[in-house]
Amino acid sequence: MAIYRVREVKFIETEGGHVKLKPLREYERESSDAASVIAEVSRFFEMELSSPKALDVVDFDEVIVLDEKGAVIARFGVADFWEKEWNAVAAKAGSEKVDRLFR
């Protein structure tokens, strides 16, 4: 069994327009394989962002999964999630109908 770390981070803009990651929380997950941990974190991430209370409780910009050596093995970004949701709505409703909603 290996120990994987799950880190919730916030993006902080620094001088010059650079972005720095500020760790908010870190959890450990024990598993025999990385794919199981990534699937678990992915489900948690999507459930958290799909919650009606997401705007009130989600304070992170990205969730990062690290292996035992500290290498990044998966990243889940809040912006990526919302872009995927937007694309799904646009595909379902037809892009013209969605465009009219925001004009």
C-alpha atoms as a PDB file:
ATOM      1  CA  MET A   1       0.000   0.000   0.000  1.00  0.00           C
ATOM      2  CA  ALA A   2       1.163   3.481  -0.842  1.00  0.00           C
ATOM      3  CA  ILE A   3       0.300   6.821   0.709  1.00  0.00           C
ATOM      4  CA  TYR A   4      -0.989   9.473  -1.691  1.00  0.00           C
ATOM      5  CA  ARG A   5      -1.487  13.115  -0.763  1.00  0.00           C
ATOM      6  CA  VAL A   6      -4.447  15.186  -1.892  1.00  0.00           C
ATOM      7  CA  ARG A   7      -3.842  18.923  -1.719  1.00  0.00           C
ATOM      8  CA  GLU A   8      -6.476  21.660  -2.099  1.00  0.00           C
ATOM      9  CA  VAL A   9      -4.849  24.874  -3.316  1.00  0.00           C
ATOM     10  CA  LYS A  10      -5.828  28.465  -4.035  1.00  0.00           C
ATOM     11  CA  PHE A  11      -4.267  30.558  -6.800  1.00  0.00           C
ATOM     12  CA  ILE A  12      -2.644  33.746  -5.551  1.00  0.00           C
ATOM     13  CA  GLU A  13      -1.568  36.365  -8.081  1.00  0.00           C
ATOM     14  CA  THR A  14       1.822  37.854  -7.352  1.00  0.00           C
ATOM     15  CA  GLU A  15       3.520  40.922  -8.734  1.00  0.00           C
ATOM     16  CA  GLY A  16       4.155  40.697 -12.436  1.00  0.00           C
ATOM     17  CA  GLY A  17       1.045  38.604 -13.035  1.00  0.00           C
ATOM     18  CA  HIS A  18       2.575  35.331 -11.868  1.00  0.00           C
ATOM     19  CA  VAL A  19       0.431  32.787 -10.070  1.00  0.00           C
ATOM     20  CA  LYS A  20       1.522  31.109  -6.861  1.00  0.00           C
ATOM     21  CA  LEU A  21      -0.216  28.098  -5.300  1.00  0.00           C
ATOM     22  CA  LYS A  22      -1.282  28.508  -1.679  1.00  0.00           C
ATOM     23  CA  PRO A  23      -1.996  25.154   0.004  1.00  0.00           C
ATOM     24  CA  LEU A  24      -5.271  25.274   1.953  1.00  0.00           C
ATOM     25  CA  ARG A  25      -5.626  21.661   3.098  1.00  0.00           C
ATOM     26  CA  GLU A  26      -3.875  18.363   2.606  1.00  0.00           C
ATOM     27  CA  TYR A  27      -5.186  14.839   3.119  1.00  0.00           C
ATOM     28  CA  GLU A  28      -3.597  11.407   2.905  1.00  0.00           C
ATOM     29  CA  ARG A  29      -5.134   8.445   1.100  1.00  0.00           C
ATOM     30  CA  GLU A  30      -3.763   4.948   1.363  1.00  0.00           C
ATOM     31  CA  SER A  31      -4.197   2.744  -1.689  1.00  0.00           C
ATOM     32  CA  SER A  32      -2.575  -0.054  -3.621  1.00  0.00           C
ATOM     33  CA  ASP A  33      -2.768   1.878  -6.900  1.00  0.00           C
ATOM     34  CA  ALA A  34      -2.855   5.458  -8.127  1.00  0.00           C
ATOM     35  CA  ALA A  35      -5.893   4.937 -10.386  1.00  0.00           C
ATOM     36  CA  SER A  36      -8.130   4.183  -7.390  1.00  0.00           C
ATOM     37  CA  VAL A  37      -7.043   7.341  -5.579  1.00  0.00           C
ATOM     38  CA  ILE A  38      -7.480   9.469  -8.695  1.00  0.00           C
ATOM     39  CA  ALA A  39     -10.996   8.056  -9.251  1.00  0.00           C
ATOM     40  CA  GLU A  40     -11.932   8.694  -5.598  1.00  0.00           C
ATOM     41  CA  VAL A  41     -10.655  12.275  -5.692  1.00  0.00           C
ATOM     42  CA  SER A  42     -12.364  12.895  -9.033  1.00  0.00           C
ATOM     43  CA  ARG A  43     -15.735  11.735  -7.621  1.00  0.00           C
ATOM     44  CA  PHE A  44     -15.271  13.893  -4.498  1.00  0.00           C
ATOM     45  CA  PHE A  45     -14.304  16.890  -6.620  1.00  0.00           C
ATOM     46  CA  GLU A  46     -17.329  16.605  -8.928  1.00  0.00           C
ATOM     47  CA  MET A  47     -19.735  16.026  -6.039  1.00  0.00           C
ATOM     48  CA  GLU A  48     -18.343  19.014  -4.145  1.00  0.00           C
ATOM     49  CA  LEU A  49     -18.659  21.345  -7.133  1.00  0.00           C
ATOM     50  CA  SER A  50     -22.091  20.019  -8.117  1.00  0.00           C
ATOM     51  CA  SER A  51     -23.496  20.755  -4.675  1.00  0.00           C
ATOM     52  CA  PRO A  52     -26.051  23.576  -4.422  1.00  0.00           C
ATOM     53  CA  LYS A  53     -23.848  25.001  -1.657  1.00  0.00           C
ATOM     54  CA  ALA A  54     -20.685  24.959  -3.800  1.00  0.00           C
ATOM     55  CA  LEU A  55     -20.443  28.739  -4.086  1.00  0.00           C
ATOM     56  CA  ASP A  56     -20.543  29.005  -0.287  1.00  0.00           C
ATOM     57  CA  VAL A  57     -18.203  26.162   0.637  1.00  0.00           C
ATOM     58  CA  VAL A  58     -15.670  25.675  -2.175  1.00  0.00           C
ATOM     59  CA  ASP A  59     -12.699  27.891  -1.411  1.00  0.00           C
ATOM     60  CA  PHE A  60     -10.070  26.101  -3.500  1.00  0.00           C
ATOM     61  CA  ASP A  61      -9.124  26.592  -7.159  1.00  0.00           C
ATOM     62  CA  GLU A  62      -7.548  23.219  -7.761  1.00  0.00           C
ATOM     63  CA  VAL A  63      -7.160  19.782  -6.196  1.00  0.00           C
ATOM     64  CA  ILE A  64      -3.812  18.090  -6.778  1.00  0.00           C
ATOM     65  CA  VAL A  65      -3.015  14.408  -6.211  1.00  0.00           C
ATOM     66  CA  LEU A  66       0.605  13.568  -5.369  1.00  0.00           C
ATOM     67  CA  ASP A  67       2.307  10.186  -5.220  1.00  0.00           C
ATOM     68  CA  GLU A  68       4.632   9.026  -2.422  1.00  0.00           C
ATOM     69  CA  LYS A  69       7.568  10.871  -3.979  1.00  0.00           C
ATOM     70  CA  GLY A  70       5.640  14.148  -4.236  1.00  0.00           C
ATOM     71  CA  ALA A  71       5.135  13.994  -8.009  1.00  0.00           C
ATOM     72  CA  VAL A  72       1.833  15.332  -9.346  1.00  0.00           C
ATOM     73  CA  ILE A  73      -0.225  12.476 -10.795  1.00  0.00           C
ATOM     74  CA  ALA A  74      -3.551  14.307 -11.266  1.00  0.00           C
ATOM     75  CA  ARG A  75      -5.012  17.807 -11.163  1.00  0.00           C
ATOM     76  CA  PHE A  76      -8.641  18.858 -10.989  1.00  0.00           C
ATOM     77  CA  GLY A  77      -9.327  22.540 -11.622  1.00  0.00           C
ATOM     78  CA  VAL A  78     -12.496  24.381 -10.684  1.00  0.00           C
ATOM     79  CA  ALA A  79     -12.345  26.447 -13.891  1.00  0.00           C
ATOM     80  CA  ASP A  80     -11.951  23.260 -15.963  1.00  0.00           C
ATOM     81  CA  PHE A  81     -15.007  21.758 -14.250  1.00  0.00           C
ATOM     82  CA  TRP A  82     -17.183  24.793 -15.002  1.00  0.00           C
ATOM     83  CA  GLU A  83     -15.948  24.945 -18.595  1.00  0.00           C
ATOM     84  CA  LYS A  84     -16.895  21.283 -19.031  1.00  0.00           C
ATOM     85  CA  GLU A  85     -20.342  21.969 -17.530  1.00  0.00           C
ATOM     86  CA  TRP A  86     -20.811  24.995 -19.792  1.00  0.00           C
ATOM     87  CA  ASN A  87     -19.890  22.940 -22.866  1.00  0.00           C
ATOM     88  CA  ALA A  88     -22.342  20.212 -21.859  1.00  0.00           C
ATOM     89  CA  VAL A  89     -25.154  22.747 -21.471  1.00  0.00           C
ATOM     90  CA  ALA A  90     -24.258  24.413 -24.778  1.00  0.00           C
ATOM     91  CA  ALA A  91     -24.223  21.074 -26.596  1.00  0.00           C
ATOM     92  CA  LYS A  92     -27.542  20.047 -25.097  1.00  0.00           C
ATOM     93  CA  ALA A  93     -29.362  23.339 -25.620  1.00  0.00           C
ATOM     94  CA  GLY A  94     -27.720  24.301 -28.894  1.00  0.00           C
ATOM     95  CA  SER A  95     -25.114  27.015 -28.864  1.00  0.00           C
ATOM     96  CA  GLU A  96     -27.410  29.641 -30.426  1.00  0.00           C
ATOM     97  CA  LYS A  97     -29.969  29.341 -27.623  1.00  0.00           C
ATOM     98  CA  VAL A  98     -27.280  29.580 -24.957  1.00  0.00           C
ATOM     99  CA  ASP A  99     -25.647  32.581 -26.665  1.00  0.00           C
ATOM    100  CA  ARG A 100     -28.968  34.462 -26.565  1.00  0.00           C
ATOM    101  CA  LEU A 101     -29.211  33.959 -22.813  1.00  0.00           C
ATOM    102  CA  PHE A 102     -26.032  35.945 -22.202  1.00  0.00           C
ATOM    103  CA  ARG A 103     -26.443  38.805 -24.655  1.00  0.00           C
END
